Amino acid sequence: AQQPGTPLSNEEYQQFFKFLRITLQASTACHLRELYGCQNKLVQTLDKYENHGLIPQEPVCSEMPGSLFFPNFCTFSFYRCIKKKYFLKV
């Protein structure tokens, strides 16, 4: 473990910036969803990619403790965006 207050190693910086890039991309996808909604072709393409080519139409539950229930994937995705829990899965 590094001493508190010392800079990250080169490897640690790579991980740090990789996480920031991924989070920025997730945030951008959320902005698209907020602006255009779930019926937008680009948003649907992202949703299909996330779900192996098919957007779930049935109700979904999240992996959060207490298993939050959502009527569809669109509602679940909006929840993730609002809560900034970009990597929460169903």
C-alpha atoms as a PDB file:
ATOM      1  CA  ALA A   1       0.000   0.000   0.000  1.00  0.00           C
ATOM      2  CA  GLN A   2       1.158   3.484  -0.818  1.00  0.00           C
ATOM      3  CA  GLN A   3       1.805   6.076   1.846  1.00  0.00           C
ATOM      4  CA  PRO A   4      -1.194   8.471   2.182  1.00  0.00           C
ATOM      5  CA  GLY A   5      -0.529  11.719   0.324  1.00  0.00           C
ATOM      6  CA  THR A   6       1.825  10.204  -2.244  1.00  0.00           C
ATOM      7  CA  PRO A   7       0.941  10.219  -5.961  1.00  0.00           C
ATOM      8  CA  LEU A   8      -0.438   7.152  -7.675  1.00  0.00           C
ATOM      9  CA  SER A   9       1.884   4.810  -9.503  1.00  0.00           C
ATOM     10  CA  ASN A  10       1.724   4.673 -13.306  1.00  0.00           C
ATOM     11  CA  GLU A  11      -0.405   1.515 -13.100  1.00  0.00           C
ATOM     12  CA  GLU A  12      -2.726   3.103 -10.527  1.00  0.00           C
ATOM     13  CA  TYR A  13      -3.130   6.173 -12.751  1.00  0.00           C
ATOM     14  CA  GLN A  14      -4.122   3.956 -15.678  1.00  0.00           C
ATOM     15  CA  GLN A  15      -6.850   2.362 -13.552  1.00  0.00           C
ATOM     16  CA  PHE A  16      -7.935   5.750 -12.196  1.00  0.00           C
ATOM     17  CA  PHE A  17      -8.352   7.333 -15.646  1.00  0.00           C
ATOM     18  CA  LYS A  18      -9.904   4.182 -17.100  1.00  0.00           C
ATOM     19  CA  PHE A  19     -12.624   4.423 -14.437  1.00  0.00           C
ATOM     20  CA  LEU A  20     -13.144   8.142 -15.165  1.00  0.00           C
ATOM     21  CA  ARG A  21     -13.495   7.504 -18.904  1.00  0.00           C
ATOM     22  CA  ILE A  22     -16.015   4.730 -18.327  1.00  0.00           C
ATOM     23  CA  THR A  23     -18.000   6.862 -15.882  1.00  0.00           C
ATOM     24  CA  LEU A  24     -17.978   9.804 -18.297  1.00  0.00           C
ATOM     25  CA  GLN A  25     -19.273   7.553 -21.081  1.00  0.00           C
ATOM     26  CA  ALA A  26     -22.043   6.234 -18.809  1.00  0.00           C
ATOM     27  CA  SER A  27     -22.968   9.785 -17.830  1.00  0.00           C
ATOM     28  CA  THR A  28     -23.100  10.791 -21.509  1.00  0.00           C
ATOM     29  CA  ALA A  29     -25.433   7.870 -22.261  1.00  0.00           C
ATOM     30  CA  CYS A  30     -27.670   9.083 -19.435  1.00  0.00           C
ATOM     31  CA  HIS A  31     -27.766  12.589 -20.880  1.00  0.00           C
ATOM     32  CA  LEU A  32     -28.850  11.133 -24.238  1.00  0.00           C
ATOM     33  CA  ARG A  33     -31.568   9.140 -22.477  1.00  0.00           C
ATOM     34  CA  GLU A  34     -32.776  12.238 -20.613  1.00  0.00           C
ATOM     35  CA  LEU A  35     -32.797  14.364 -23.763  1.00  0.00           C
ATOM     36  CA  TYR A  36     -34.327  11.908 -26.232  1.00  0.00           C
ATOM     37  CA  GLY A  37     -36.000   9.157 -24.215  1.00  0.00           C
ATOM     38  CA  CYS A  38     -35.945   5.405 -24.594  1.00  0.00           C
ATOM     39  CA  GLN A  39     -37.496   5.416 -28.078  1.00  0.00           C
ATOM     40  CA  ASN A  40     -34.461   7.168 -29.595  1.00  0.00           C
ATOM     41  CA  LYS A  41     -32.574   4.862 -31.978  1.00  0.00           C
ATOM     42  CA  LEU A  42     -29.160   5.596 -30.428  1.00  0.00           C
ATOM     43  CA  VAL A  43     -30.474   4.985 -26.908  1.00  0.00           C
ATOM     44  CA  GLN A  44     -32.100   1.752 -28.091  1.00  0.00           C
ATOM     45  CA  THR A  45     -28.821   0.679 -29.697  1.00  0.00           C
ATOM     46  CA  LEU A  46     -27.035   1.206 -26.373  1.00  0.00           C
ATOM     47  CA  ASP A  47     -29.774  -0.681 -24.510  1.00  0.00           C
ATOM     48  CA  LYS A  48     -29.568  -3.567 -26.974  1.00  0.00           C
ATOM     49  CA  TYR A  49     -25.806  -3.700 -26.637  1.00  0.00           C
ATOM     50  CA  GLU A  50     -26.119  -3.821 -22.851  1.00  0.00           C
ATOM     51  CA  ASN A  51     -28.648  -6.666 -23.078  1.00  0.00           C
ATOM     52  CA  HIS A  52     -27.015  -8.896 -25.711  1.00  0.00           C
ATOM     53  CA  GLY A  53     -29.156  -7.617 -28.575  1.00  0.00           C
ATOM     54  CA  LEU A  54     -32.624  -7.538 -27.005  1.00  0.00           C
ATOM     55  CA  ILE A  55     -34.159  -4.879 -24.746  1.00  0.00           C
ATOM     56  CA  PRO A  56     -36.122  -6.556 -21.921  1.00  0.00           C
ATOM     57  CA  GLN A  57     -39.800  -5.604 -22.170  1.00  0.00           C
ATOM     58  CA  GLU A  58     -40.920  -7.424 -19.039  1.00  0.00           C
ATOM     59  CA  PRO A  59     -40.518  -6.104 -15.476  1.00  0.00           C
ATOM     60  CA  VAL A  60     -36.970  -6.202 -14.102  1.00  0.00           C
ATOM     61  CA  CYS A  61     -35.413  -6.339 -10.641  1.00  0.00           C
ATOM     62  CA  SER A  62     -32.080  -4.753  -9.764  1.00  0.00           C
ATOM     63  CA  GLU A  63     -29.191  -6.451  -8.001  1.00  0.00           C
ATOM     64  CA  MET A  64     -29.409  -3.896  -5.175  1.00  0.00           C
ATOM     65  CA  PRO A  65     -30.230  -5.191  -1.706  1.00  0.00           C
ATOM     66  CA  GLY A  66     -33.992  -5.286  -1.441  1.00  0.00           C
ATOM     67  CA  SER A  67     -34.272  -5.984  -5.185  1.00  0.00           C
ATOM     68  CA  LEU A  68     -35.932  -2.843  -6.449  1.00  0.00           C
ATOM     69  CA  PHE A  69     -38.635  -3.670  -9.013  1.00  0.00           C
ATOM     70  CA  PHE A  70     -39.064  -1.744 -12.270  1.00  0.00           C
ATOM     71  CA  PRO A  71     -41.888  -2.163 -14.819  1.00  0.00           C
ATOM     72  CA  ASN A  72     -39.404  -2.203 -17.746  1.00  0.00           C
ATOM     73  CA  PHE A  73     -35.773  -1.664 -18.696  1.00  0.00           C
ATOM     74  CA  CYS A  74     -36.370   1.974 -19.630  1.00  0.00           C
ATOM     75  CA  THR A  75     -37.599   2.821 -16.128  1.00  0.00           C
ATOM     76  CA  PHE A  76     -34.676   0.924 -14.625  1.00  0.00           C
ATOM     77  CA  SER A  77     -32.220   2.837 -16.822  1.00  0.00           C
ATOM     78  CA  PHE A  78     -33.716   6.191 -15.825  1.00  0.00           C
ATOM     79  CA  TYR A  79     -33.378   5.171 -12.172  1.00  0.00           C
ATOM     80  CA  ARG A  80     -29.687   4.375 -12.670  1.00  0.00           C
ATOM     81  CA  CYS A  81     -29.154   7.747 -14.326  1.00  0.00           C
ATOM     82  CA  ILE A  82     -30.959   9.733 -11.641  1.00  0.00           C
ATOM     83  CA  LYS A  83     -29.118   7.927  -8.826  1.00  0.00           C
ATOM     84  CA  LYS A  84     -25.787   7.959 -10.743  1.00  0.00           C
ATOM     85  CA  LYS A  85     -25.507   4.211 -10.206  1.00  0.00           C
ATOM     86  CA  TYR A  86     -24.352   3.681 -13.772  1.00  0.00           C
ATOM     87  CA  PHE A  87     -23.138   0.135 -13.309  1.00  0.00           C
ATOM     88  CA  LEU A  88     -26.139  -1.271 -11.429  1.00  0.00           C
ATOM     89  CA  LYS A  89     -27.375  -4.464 -13.110  1.00  0.00           C
ATOM     90  CA  VAL A  90     -30.711  -6.221 -13.393  1.00  0.00           C
END
